[in-house]
Structure formats: C-alpha cells, structure tokens
Protein backbone atom coordinates (compact mmCIF):
# COMPACT_ATOMS: atom_id res chain seq x y z
CA MET A 1 97.07 102.24 185.50
CA SER A 2 99.66 99.49 185.48
CA ARG A 3 100.90 98.63 181.99
CA LEU A 4 104.15 97.26 180.67
CA PHE A 5 104.92 97.85 177.00
CA LEU A 6 106.65 95.00 175.20
CA ALA A 7 107.80 95.12 171.62
CA THR A 8 109.41 92.34 169.67
CA SER A 9 110.02 94.26 166.47
CA THR A 10 113.47 95.43 165.46
CA LEU A 11 114.20 99.14 165.27
CA SER A 12 116.02 100.20 162.11
CA LEU A 13 117.49 103.68 162.00
CA LEU A 14 117.74 105.36 158.64
CA ALA A 15 121.27 106.71 158.96
CA CYS A 16 124.84 105.60 158.30
CA GLY A 17 127.27 104.54 160.97
CA SER A 18 126.88 103.12 164.43
CA PHE A 19 125.39 105.36 167.11
CA ALA A 20 122.92 105.42 169.95
CA PRO A 21 119.39 106.30 168.81
CA LYS A 22 117.92 109.57 170.12
CA ALA A 23 114.61 111.41 169.96
CA GLY A 24 114.12 113.06 166.57
CA ASP A 25 116.10 110.46 164.59
CA ALA A 26 114.45 108.84 161.57
CA CYS A 27 113.28 105.25 162.15
CA SER A 28 111.31 102.24 160.96
CA PRO A 29 109.24 100.13 161.39
CA GLU A 30 106.33 102.05 162.87
CA GLY A 31 105.71 101.24 166.55
CA SER A 32 109.14 99.75 167.24
CA LEU A 33 110.81 100.55 170.57
CA ALA A 34 114.36 101.09 171.84
CA CYS A 35 115.82 102.23 175.17
CA GLU A 36 117.29 105.73 175.36
CA SER A 37 118.27 105.31 179.04
CA PRO A 38 117.26 103.10 181.98
CA THR A 39 114.18 105.33 182.55
CA MET A 40 113.32 106.55 179.04
CA GLY A 41 112.37 104.69 175.88
CA LEU A 42 112.07 105.63 172.22
CA GLU A 43 109.05 104.78 170.07
CA CYS A 44 109.03 104.99 166.27
CA ARG A 45 105.98 107.08 165.36
CA ASP A 46 105.40 108.64 161.93
CA GLY A 47 108.98 107.76 160.92
CA THR A 48 110.53 109.68 163.84
CA LEU A 49 111.78 108.48 167.24
CA ARG A 50 109.84 110.01 170.15
CA SER A 51 110.77 109.81 173.84
CA ILE A 52 108.44 107.85 176.11
CA SER A 53 108.53 107.41 179.89
CA CYS A 54 109.77 104.13 181.37
CA ARG A 55 110.14 105.43 184.95
CA GLY A 56 108.35 102.50 186.63
CA PRO A 57 110.28 99.89 188.64
CA GLY A 58 110.86 97.79 185.49
CA GLY A 59 112.45 100.75 183.67
CA CYS A 60 113.50 100.32 180.05
CA LEU A 61 115.21 97.04 179.29
CA GLU A 62 116.42 95.56 176.00
CA GLU A 63 116.70 91.76 175.98
CA GLY A 64 117.60 90.24 172.62
CA ASN A 65 114.99 91.51 170.16
CA GLN A 66 112.52 92.56 172.89
CA VAL A 67 112.18 95.94 174.58
CA ARG A 68 110.30 96.28 177.86
CA CYS A 69 109.12 99.70 179.07
CA ASP A 70 107.41 100.24 182.44
CA PRO A 71 105.57 103.61 182.25
CA THR A 72 103.86 103.37 185.65
CA HIS A 73 105.64 106.36 187.26
CA ALA A 74 105.53 108.85 184.40
CA GLU A 75 106.03 112.49 185.34
CA PRO A 76 104.12 115.52 183.99
CA GLY A 77 105.41 116.33 180.51
CA ASP A 78 106.76 112.82 179.81
CA GLY A 79 105.86 111.31 176.46
CA CYS A 80 103.52 108.32 176.34
CA ALA A 81 103.57 105.37 173.95
CA ALA A 82 100.93 105.35 171.23
CA ALA A 83 99.98 101.70 171.89
C-alpha cells in the first residue's frame, strides 16, 4: 500500500521550555504530526505523542506548517498513523 501522510495542523506541546518532541509527551491538537527523526514521525493521539514509521523514500519532512510522512517501508513493530 502506497500512502503518504500529510498534515497541515500545528503541533502544540503542553510543556514549558523549548525542546524536541518525543514519544510519550503530552500534545494537542488531536491528529497533528511532527518529525522525530528522518525516518520516524510523531502523531498526537489521545493527548499523547506516539511514534509512527516514515521509513519510505520520502521519510519524515517538515516544511513550514506541513509534515509529510512516507510509511511505505514500515518494519515489524513500527507504529502506524491512525488516519
């Protein structure tokens, strides 16, 4: 299955200070995305960031207020986006 996830919503972390988001952090709004690394993304689900696979050739890329995640080469045990 060839899908590319694209989100245009802004991820807001519910914490003080400036830091890189990571799985398990609190977040809003629901369904927003961020890149954790070039091959892994983060999706806000139930108020918590969850890792998702972006191992396809497009990887995880943040451009302005858009996040692109290519999950086409996910590995066993990788998280999948809810959408």
